[in-house]
Amino acid sequence: MNIQAIRDDTPAVKNLLHFNNAGSALPPKQVLEVIINHLTLESQVGGYEAAAINEKEIENFYQAIAKLINASTDEIAYAENATRAWDMAFYAIPFKKGDRILTGISEYASNYIAYLQVAQQKGVKIEVIPNDSYGQLDVKVLENRIDEKVKLISITHVPTNGGLINPAEAIGQIARKANILYLLDACQSVGQMPIDVEKIGCDILSVTGRKFLRGPRGTGFLYVNKKIVEQLTPPFLDLLSAEWIDKNTYKIREDAKRFENWERYVAGQIGLGTAVDYLLNLGINNVWARIQSLADSLRSKLKSLNKVILHDLGRHKCGIVSFTIKDADPLHIKEQLAKRNINIGISKRPYTLLDMQSRNLEDILRASIHYYNTEEEIEKFITHLLKLSK
C-alpha cells in the first residue's frame, strides 16, 4: 500500500493523530465527495429524483459488500447502524419459552440488553459461556452446552474493550454441526481483517459503516444467509420489506431486504459503498497485515512504560489496544490528549459489564489503530502519554 497516498486521501491526519478508529474512523476524501455530491443533487432535483439518477451507485453498495464478505447481493440489507441491523435480525427469531441463547462474557451491552428483554418477555434462558485460558470464548465448553433447547448462538467477534478476536470460525463449525442459528456481531472486525461468511459459518452478521470500513456515521449493513432468511419475520415491516396484496393480505420479501425500510440515508449508503470499494482496492489482507504490525508496535511500546497496564485478551489480537495508567483517571488522560490533537476512546464498565466485572476493571483507555496510521504517530503518542503519566 502507498501509505502517503492514503494519507493524502485523509486530510485530517496532517493536524490530527487519530487512534479512535474503533469509535469512528476518518473517511477518505472519496467518501466525503460522493456524499456531498449526492446531497447537492438532492437539493437541485429532489430526493427521490436524485436516488433514481444515482441508482447504479446505490446498487454498488450491495455489490461491494457482498464481494467483501463473500456473500451474494440478495443476502445484504442496508441498516442505519450495526445495532439496528443486529436488532432487526435478533427480534425476527421466533423464540419460545425454554429456548436457550448461548453467548460470551465479552458481549456488548446493547446485545445483552436485548437478550434480557426477550428473556423477560418470552421466558428464554441466557447462558454465558466462560473464557478459555487466552480470555476468548471456550469452544469446548460451548460444544458441551449444545442441546435441543439451544435456539441461538450469539457472539461478538471483536469486543469493544480490547484486542480480543473471538474464534468465530470454530464457533461456526459447532453451530452448523448442530443446525443452530449463529448470529455474529462483526461491527469491529469487518474492515480491519478478512471476513468470509462462508468460512465462518454464521447465519447472520451485523456491521456498522463508521468504524474500520471508514464509511459515514448513520450507515451499516446486515447479512442474512439466504438459506434461513424466510425463517425470520422482521419485527416491523413497510412497503419496501413487504407488499400489500389486498385488504387483508401482505407478502414479505424473500431476500435480505425484508430487513430494510424504505426511507434511509441514501447519500450515506452511497458513501459506504464507496468506502468498501476503497478498501477492496487496497486489499483487505494488506490492510490486516499493516494493522496487526502497528498494533503490535503500540502494545510493545506501551508495555515498556512503567505505569501503563495493558488489558487486551485473546490468542490473536487486533488493532484495538486497551490499557490504563496507574493512579490516572482515563477521562482526564483522554481530555489531555485531545488538547494535543490526539484522539483515543474510553471503554466504560457498563459497555461490557460481565467481562469488566470478571476482571475487576472500571473504565479503560482504548487506542485503535488503522492502516493510515504510522510508526511516527505511535512514537508521538507514546511521548505525550509518558508526559501525562508522570
Protein backbone atom coordinates (compact mmCIF):
# COMPACT_ATOMS: atom_id res chain seq x y z
CA MET A 1 0.00 0.00 0.00
CA ASN A 2 1.09 3.54 -0.73
CA ILE A 3 0.68 4.99 2.75
CA GLN A 4 1.50 8.54 1.70
CA ALA A 5 -1.20 8.44 -0.99
CA ILE A 6 -3.65 7.01 1.56
CA ARG A 7 -2.81 9.81 4.00
CA ASP A 8 -3.22 12.35 1.21
CA ASP A 9 -6.74 10.92 0.81
CA THR A 10 -7.23 11.54 4.56
CA PRO A 11 -6.53 15.28 5.00
CA ALA A 12 -7.26 15.34 8.75
CA VAL A 13 -4.09 13.37 9.55
CA LYS A 14 -2.00 16.47 8.77
CA ASN A 15 -3.10 18.00 12.06
CA LEU A 16 -4.68 15.11 13.94
CA LEU A 17 -3.41 11.88 15.46
CA HIS A 18 -6.48 9.65 15.30
CA PHE A 19 -6.34 6.48 17.37
CA ASN A 20 -10.12 6.21 17.78
CA ASN A 21 -10.88 4.12 14.72
CA ALA A 22 -12.94 1.61 16.72
CA GLY A 23 -15.17 4.56 17.58
CA SER A 24 -15.36 6.23 14.19
CA ALA A 25 -12.54 6.19 11.63
CA LEU A 26 -11.57 9.08 9.38
CA PRO A 27 -13.25 8.64 5.97
CA PRO A 28 -11.19 9.06 2.81
CA LYS A 29 -11.96 12.16 0.76
CA GLN A 30 -13.57 9.99 -1.95
CA VAL A 31 -16.31 9.04 0.52
CA LEU A 32 -16.86 12.65 1.53
CA GLU A 33 -17.07 13.71 -2.11
CA VAL A 34 -19.78 11.22 -3.13
CA ILE A 35 -21.86 12.11 -0.07
CA ILE A 36 -21.63 15.83 -0.75
CA ASN A 37 -22.32 15.29 -4.44
CA HIS A 38 -25.47 13.30 -3.74
CA LEU A 39 -26.75 15.76 -1.14
CA THR A 40 -26.10 18.58 -3.61
CA LEU A 41 -28.03 16.67 -6.27
CA GLU A 42 -30.93 16.18 -3.85
CA SER A 43 -31.03 19.94 -3.29
CA GLN A 44 -31.08 20.53 -7.04
CA VAL A 45 -33.54 17.93 -8.32
CA GLY A 46 -35.25 16.40 -5.27
CA GLY A 47 -34.53 13.40 -3.07
CA TYR A 48 -36.41 10.70 -4.99
CA GLU A 49 -35.16 12.04 -8.30
CA ALA A 50 -31.54 12.07 -7.07
CA ALA A 51 -31.89 8.45 -5.97
CA ALA A 52 -33.18 7.49 -9.41
CA ILE A 53 -30.25 9.25 -11.08
CA ASN A 54 -27.74 7.52 -8.79
CA GLU A 55 -29.41 4.11 -8.90
CA LYS A 56 -26.19 2.39 -10.01
CA GLU A 57 -24.27 3.93 -7.12
CA ILE A 58 -26.90 2.72 -4.67
CA GLU A 59 -26.79 -0.78 -6.14
CA ASN A 60 -22.99 -0.71 -5.85
CA PHE A 61 -23.44 -0.71 -2.07
CA TYR A 62 -24.81 -4.27 -2.21
CA GLN A 63 -22.26 -5.47 -4.75
CA ALA A 64 -19.24 -4.11 -2.89
CA ILE A 65 -20.28 -5.51 0.48
CA ALA A 66 -21.20 -8.90 -0.99
CA LYS A 67 -17.71 -9.07 -2.53
CA LEU A 68 -16.03 -8.03 0.72
CA ILE A 69 -17.62 -10.75 2.90
CA ASN A 70 -18.11 -13.44 0.21
CA ALA A 71 -21.91 -13.27 0.09
CA SER A 72 -24.50 -12.67 -2.62
CA THR A 73 -26.22 -9.33 -3.07
CA ASP A 74 -29.61 -10.72 -2.10
CA GLU A 75 -28.15 -11.57 1.33
CA ILE A 76 -27.29 -7.93 2.13
CA ALA A 77 -29.57 -5.32 3.69
CA TYR A 78 -28.82 -1.68 4.40
CA ALA A 79 -29.21 -0.53 8.01
CA GLU A 80 -28.74 2.71 9.90
CA ASN A 81 -26.10 1.19 12.17
CA ALA A 82 -24.83 -2.14 13.47
CA THR A 83 -27.17 -2.22 16.45
CA ARG A 84 -30.22 -1.65 14.30
CA ALA A 85 -29.02 -4.33 11.86
CA TRP A 86 -28.44 -6.73 14.76
CA ASP A 87 -31.82 -5.90 16.32
CA MET A 88 -33.72 -6.46 13.09
CA ALA A 89 -32.37 -9.99 12.88
CA PHE A 90 -32.43 -10.86 16.57
CA TYR A 91 -36.02 -9.77 17.13
CA ALA A 92 -37.03 -11.67 13.99
CA ILE A 93 -36.07 -15.01 15.58
CA PRO A 94 -39.19 -16.92 16.74
CA PHE A 95 -38.16 -17.56 20.35
CA LYS A 96 -40.43 -19.53 22.66
CA LYS A 97 -40.39 -20.31 26.37
CA GLY A 98 -37.49 -22.53 27.37
CA ASP A 99 -35.26 -21.68 24.39
CA ARG A 100 -31.62 -21.08 25.24
CA ILE A 101 -29.29 -18.36 23.98
CA LEU A 102 -25.57 -19.11 24.27
CA THR A 103 -23.31 -16.07 24.36
CA GLY A 104 -19.92 -14.92 25.68
CA ILE A 105 -18.50 -12.99 28.61
CA SER A 106 -17.34 -10.11 26.39
CA GLU A 107 -20.78 -9.49 24.90
CA TYR A 108 -21.70 -5.87 24.18
CA ALA A 109 -24.29 -4.09 26.33
CA SER A 110 -26.82 -3.41 23.55
CA ASN A 111 -26.89 -7.10 22.62
CA TYR A 112 -27.14 -8.35 26.18
CA ILE A 113 -29.94 -5.91 26.99
CA ALA A 114 -31.85 -7.42 24.06
CA TYR A 115 -31.28 -10.92 25.48
CA LEU A 116 -32.65 -9.75 28.82
CA GLN A 117 -35.72 -8.24 27.22
CA VAL A 118 -36.54 -11.41 25.29
CA ALA A 119 -35.85 -13.48 28.42
CA GLN A 120 -38.35 -11.41 30.38
CA GLN A 121 -40.96 -11.35 27.62
CA LYS A 122 -40.75 -14.93 26.34
CA GLY A 123 -39.08 -16.99 29.05
CA VAL A 124 -35.87 -17.51 27.10
CA LYS A 125 -32.78 -18.54 29.07
CA ILE A 126 -29.43 -16.77 28.65
CA GLU A 127 -26.31 -18.84 29.22
CA VAL A 128 -22.85 -17.26 29.22
CA ILE A 129 -20.01 -19.48 28.01
CA PRO A 130 -16.81 -18.99 30.04
CA ASN A 131 -13.50 -17.95 28.55
CA ASP A 132 -10.56 -20.23 27.90
CA SER A 133 -7.02 -19.61 29.16
CA TYR A 134 -6.50 -16.95 26.45
CA GLY A 135 -9.53 -14.96 27.53
CA GLN A 136 -11.60 -15.84 24.47
CA LEU A 137 -14.79 -17.87 24.34
CA ASP A 138 -14.10 -21.51 25.21
CA VAL A 139 -15.32 -23.50 22.21
CA LYS A 140 -15.05 -26.82 24.03
CA VAL A 141 -17.43 -25.65 26.73
CA LEU A 142 -19.71 -24.22 24.05
CA GLU A 143 -19.88 -27.56 22.29
CA ASN A 144 -20.69 -29.35 25.53
CA ARG A 145 -23.58 -26.95 26.21
CA ILE A 146 -25.39 -27.76 22.96
CA ASP A 147 -28.74 -29.50 23.21
CA GLU A 148 -32.15 -29.38 21.50
CA LYS A 149 -33.15 -26.30 23.55
CA VAL A 150 -30.40 -24.07 22.15
CA LYS A 151 -32.09 -21.70 19.72
CA LEU A 152 -29.25 -19.27 19.09
CA ILE A 153 -25.50 -18.84 19.44
CA SER A 154 -24.83 -15.10 19.53
CA ILE A 155 -21.26 -13.79 19.81
CA THR A 156 -19.41 -10.50 19.47
CA HIS A 157 -16.48 -11.18 17.16
CA VAL A 158 -14.24 -8.34 18.36
CA PRO A 159 -15.43 -6.89 21.68
CA THR A 160 -15.42 -3.15 22.22
CA ASN A 161 -12.97 -3.13 25.13
CA GLY A 162 -9.78 -4.71 23.85
CA GLY A 163 -7.77 -6.58 21.26
CA LEU A 164 -9.61 -9.89 21.62
CA ILE A 165 -10.72 -11.78 18.48
CA ASN A 166 -13.22 -14.47 19.41
CA PRO A 167 -12.83 -17.78 17.49
CA ALA A 168 -15.72 -17.12 15.11
CA GLU A 169 -14.92 -19.91 12.64
CA ALA A 170 -14.63 -22.60 15.32
CA ILE A 171 -17.95 -21.42 16.75
CA GLY A 172 -19.46 -21.62 13.27
CA GLN A 173 -18.41 -25.24 12.91
CA ILE A 174 -20.23 -26.11 16.12
CA ALA A 175 -23.34 -24.18 15.08
CA ARG A 176 -23.50 -25.84 11.67
CA LYS A 177 -22.97 -29.32 13.06
CA ALA A 178 -25.86 -28.80 15.49
CA ASN A 179 -28.01 -26.86 12.98
CA ILE A 180 -28.33 -23.88 15.34
CA LEU A 181 -28.74 -20.24 14.28
CA TYR A 182 -25.48 -18.30 14.61
CA LEU A 183 -25.54 -14.51 14.94
CA LEU A 184 -22.19 -12.71 14.76
CA ASP A 185 -21.74 -9.08 15.77
CA ALA A 186 -18.88 -8.08 13.46
CA CYS A 187 -19.08 -4.32 13.80
CA GLN A 188 -15.43 -4.07 14.88
CA SER A 189 -13.93 -6.82 12.75
CA VAL A 190 -15.23 -6.08 9.23
CA GLY A 191 -12.87 -3.55 7.70
CA GLN A 192 -9.75 -4.45 9.64
CA MET A 193 -9.45 -8.18 8.93
CA PRO A 194 -10.62 -10.65 6.25
CA ILE A 195 -14.20 -11.82 6.84
CA ASP A 196 -15.69 -14.68 4.83
CA VAL A 197 -19.20 -15.59 5.94
CA GLU A 198 -18.94 -18.99 4.26
CA LYS A 199 -15.77 -19.90 6.16
CA ILE A 200 -17.10 -18.51 9.42
CA GLY A 201 -20.41 -20.30 9.00
CA CYS A 202 -22.56 -17.57 10.52
CA ASP A 203 -26.20 -17.26 9.51
CA ILE A 204 -26.42 -13.57 10.39
CA LEU A 205 -23.76 -10.85 10.58
CA SER A 206 -24.18 -7.19 11.58
CA VAL A 207 -21.78 -4.34 10.76
CA THR A 208 -21.53 -0.57 11.11
CA GLY A 209 -20.12 1.75 8.46
CA ARG A 210 -18.35 4.30 10.64
CA LYS A 211 -15.63 2.12 12.19
CA PHE A 212 -12.96 0.22 10.28
CA LEU A 213 -14.82 0.45 6.95
CA ARG A 214 -14.22 4.23 7.06
CA GLY A 215 -17.77 4.98 5.96
CA PRO A 216 -20.11 7.69 7.27
CA ARG A 217 -21.98 7.60 10.55
CA GLY A 218 -25.61 6.54 10.29
CA THR A 219 -24.81 3.62 7.99
CA GLY A 220 -24.37 -0.12 8.34
CA PHE A 221 -25.48 -3.43 6.91
CA LEU A 222 -26.90 -6.81 7.77
CA TYR A 223 -26.00 -10.14 6.19
CA VAL A 224 -28.56 -12.95 6.36
CA ASN A 225 -27.85 -16.32 4.76
CA LYS A 226 -30.48 -16.92 2.07
CA LYS A 227 -30.95 -20.48 3.34
CA ILE A 228 -32.51 -19.20 6.57
CA VAL A 229 -33.92 -15.78 5.64
CA GLU A 230 -37.52 -16.98 5.38
CA GLN A 231 -37.33 -18.40 8.92
CA LEU A 232 -37.07 -14.84 10.24
CA THR A 233 -40.02 -12.46 10.42
CA PRO A 234 -38.81 -8.85 10.85
CA PRO A 235 -40.13 -7.02 13.92
CA PHE A 236 -41.65 -4.37 11.69
CA LEU A 237 -42.47 -4.06 8.01
CA ASP A 238 -43.16 -1.33 5.49
CA LEU A 239 -43.86 -1.03 1.77
CA LEU A 240 -40.27 -1.96 0.87
CA SER A 241 -39.89 -5.01 3.10
CA ALA A 242 -43.35 -6.32 2.22
CA GLU A 243 -46.00 -5.97 -0.49
CA TRP A 244 -49.63 -5.16 0.27
CA ILE A 245 -51.63 -7.69 -1.80
CA ASP A 246 -55.23 -6.89 -0.84
CA LYS A 247 -57.23 -5.62 2.12
CA ASN A 248 -56.27 -8.49 4.42
CA THR A 249 -53.06 -9.80 2.85
CA TYR A 250 -49.40 -8.87 2.59
CA LYS A 251 -46.30 -10.72 1.43
CA ILE A 252 -42.84 -10.33 2.93
CA ARG A 253 -39.88 -10.09 0.58
CA GLU A 254 -37.89 -13.27 0.05
CA ASP A 255 -34.43 -11.67 0.23
CA ALA A 256 -32.49 -9.81 2.93
CA LYS A 257 -34.18 -6.54 2.02
CA ARG A 258 -37.09 -7.75 4.17
CA PHE A 259 -34.99 -6.21 6.97
CA GLU A 260 -34.74 -2.79 5.31
CA ASN A 261 -37.15 0.11 5.38
CA TRP A 262 -38.00 2.48 2.57
CA GLU A 263 -36.60 5.70 3.98
CA ARG A 264 -32.86 5.81 4.54
CA TYR A 265 -29.75 7.98 4.34
CA VAL A 266 -29.17 7.49 0.61
CA ALA A 267 -26.07 9.69 0.46
CA GLY A 268 -24.62 7.67 3.32
CA GLN A 269 -25.45 4.38 1.64
CA ILE A 270 -23.60 5.51 -1.47
CA GLY A 271 -20.77 6.73 0.74
CA LEU A 272 -20.44 3.37 2.48
CA GLY A 273 -20.36 1.58 -0.86
CA THR A 274 -17.55 3.91 -1.92
CA ALA A 275 -15.68 3.24 1.34
CA VAL A 276 -15.89 -0.51 0.75
CA ASP A 277 -14.64 -0.04 -2.82
CA TYR A 278 -11.69 1.90 -1.43
CA LEU A 279 -10.92 -0.96 0.93
CA LEU A 280 -11.25 -3.59 -1.79
CA ASN A 281 -8.81 -1.65 -3.97
CA LEU A 282 -6.23 -1.66 -1.16
CA GLY A 283 -6.77 -5.35 -0.43
CA ILE A 284 -8.09 -6.50 2.92
CA ASN A 285 -5.08 -8.79 3.50
CA ASN A 286 -2.74 -5.83 3.08
CA VAL A 287 -4.87 -3.78 5.48
CA TRP A 288 -4.95 -6.53 8.09
CA ALA A 289 -1.19 -7.10 7.95
CA ARG A 290 -0.49 -3.40 8.50
CA ILE A 291 -3.00 -3.03 11.32
CA GLN A 292 -1.51 -6.01 13.15
CA SER A 293 2.01 -4.69 12.71
CA LEU A 294 1.14 -1.22 14.01
CA ALA A 295 -0.91 -2.58 16.92
CA ASP A 296 1.90 -4.93 17.93
CA SER A 297 4.29 -2.00 17.88
CA LEU A 298 1.96 0.10 20.03
CA ARG A 299 1.48 -2.70 22.56
CA SER A 300 5.23 -3.24 22.80
CA LYS A 301 5.90 0.44 23.45
CA LEU A 302 3.07 0.77 25.95
CA LYS A 303 4.35 -2.28 27.81
CA SER A 304 7.69 -0.51 28.28
CA LEU A 305 6.06 2.36 30.20
CA ASN A 306 6.20 1.81 33.96
CA LYS A 307 2.71 2.97 34.89
CA VAL A 308 0.84 1.51 31.91
CA ILE A 309 -1.16 -1.69 32.31
CA LEU A 310 -2.37 -3.49 29.17
CA HIS A 311 -5.77 -5.20 29.26
CA ASP A 312 -6.02 -7.00 25.91
CA LEU A 313 -7.12 -10.63 25.78
CA GLY A 314 -7.05 -13.36 23.15
CA ARG A 315 -4.70 -15.76 21.44
CA HIS A 316 -4.70 -13.44 18.42
CA LYS A 317 -5.12 -9.69 18.80
CA CYS A 318 -6.45 -6.97 16.51
CA GLY A 319 -5.97 -3.23 16.09
CA ILE A 320 -7.71 -2.30 19.35
CA VAL A 321 -5.33 -1.75 22.25
CA SER A 322 -6.75 -1.28 25.76
CA PHE A 323 -4.86 -0.04 28.79
CA THR A 324 -4.92 2.02 31.96
CA ILE A 325 -2.34 4.23 33.64
CA LYS A 326 -1.76 3.63 37.33
CA ASP A 327 -3.35 6.34 39.51
CA ALA A 328 -4.66 8.23 36.45
CA ASP A 329 -8.30 8.88 35.55
CA PRO A 330 -8.95 7.61 31.98
CA LEU A 331 -11.24 10.55 31.21
CA HIS A 332 -8.55 13.02 32.28
CA ILE A 333 -5.97 11.30 30.06
CA LYS A 334 -8.38 11.30 27.13
CA GLU A 335 -9.15 15.00 27.59
CA GLN A 336 -5.50 15.98 27.91
CA LEU A 337 -4.60 14.05 24.76
CA ALA A 338 -7.48 15.73 22.91
CA LYS A 339 -5.96 19.12 23.76
CA ARG A 340 -2.88 17.89 21.89
CA ASN A 341 -4.95 16.84 18.84
CA ILE A 342 -4.74 13.16 19.75
CA ASN A 343 -7.95 11.12 19.69
CA ILE A 344 -8.44 7.93 21.69
CA GLY A 345 -11.53 6.29 23.19
CA ILE A 346 -12.74 5.02 26.54
CA SER A 347 -14.42 1.66 27.13
CA LYS A 348 -16.79 2.15 30.05
CA ARG A 349 -17.54 -0.61 32.53
CA PRO A 350 -21.26 -0.94 31.56
CA TYR A 351 -20.40 -1.46 27.86
CA THR A 352 -19.11 -5.00 28.55
CA LEU A 353 -20.29 -5.44 32.10
CA LEU A 354 -19.70 -9.19 32.51
CA ASP A 355 -16.13 -9.00 31.25
CA MET A 356 -15.24 -5.87 33.20
CA GLN A 357 -16.70 -7.31 36.41
CA SER A 358 -14.85 -10.60 35.94
CA ARG A 359 -11.55 -8.73 35.60
CA ASN A 360 -12.36 -6.14 38.29
CA LEU A 361 -11.95 -3.30 35.80
CA GLU A 362 -13.55 0.12 35.71
CA ASP A 363 -13.28 2.40 32.68
CA ILE A 364 -10.24 1.76 30.48
CA LEU A 365 -8.48 3.64 27.69
CA ARG A 366 -8.75 2.35 24.12
CA ALA A 367 -6.35 3.21 21.31
CA SER A 368 -7.48 1.73 17.99
CA ILE A 369 -5.10 1.67 15.04
CA HIS A 370 -5.92 1.80 11.34
CA TYR A 371 -3.80 1.29 8.26
CA TYR A 372 -3.43 5.04 7.62
CA ASN A 373 -1.68 5.46 10.98
CA THR A 374 2.11 5.38 11.15
CA GLU A 375 5.01 4.38 13.38
CA GLU A 376 5.83 8.08 13.73
CA GLU A 377 2.36 8.67 15.17
CA ILE A 378 2.87 5.82 17.63
CA GLU A 379 6.14 7.41 18.80
CA LYS A 380 4.39 10.76 19.20
CA PHE A 381 1.56 9.13 21.13
CA ILE A 382 3.97 7.38 23.49
CA THR A 383 5.87 10.63 24.08
CA HIS A 384 2.74 12.51 25.11
CA LEU A 385 1.47 9.59 27.18
CA LEU A 386 4.78 9.41 29.02
CA LYS A 387 4.49 13.09 29.98
CA LEU A 388 0.91 12.65 31.20
CA SER A 389 1.70 9.55 33.24
CA LYS A 390 4.46 11.18 35.34
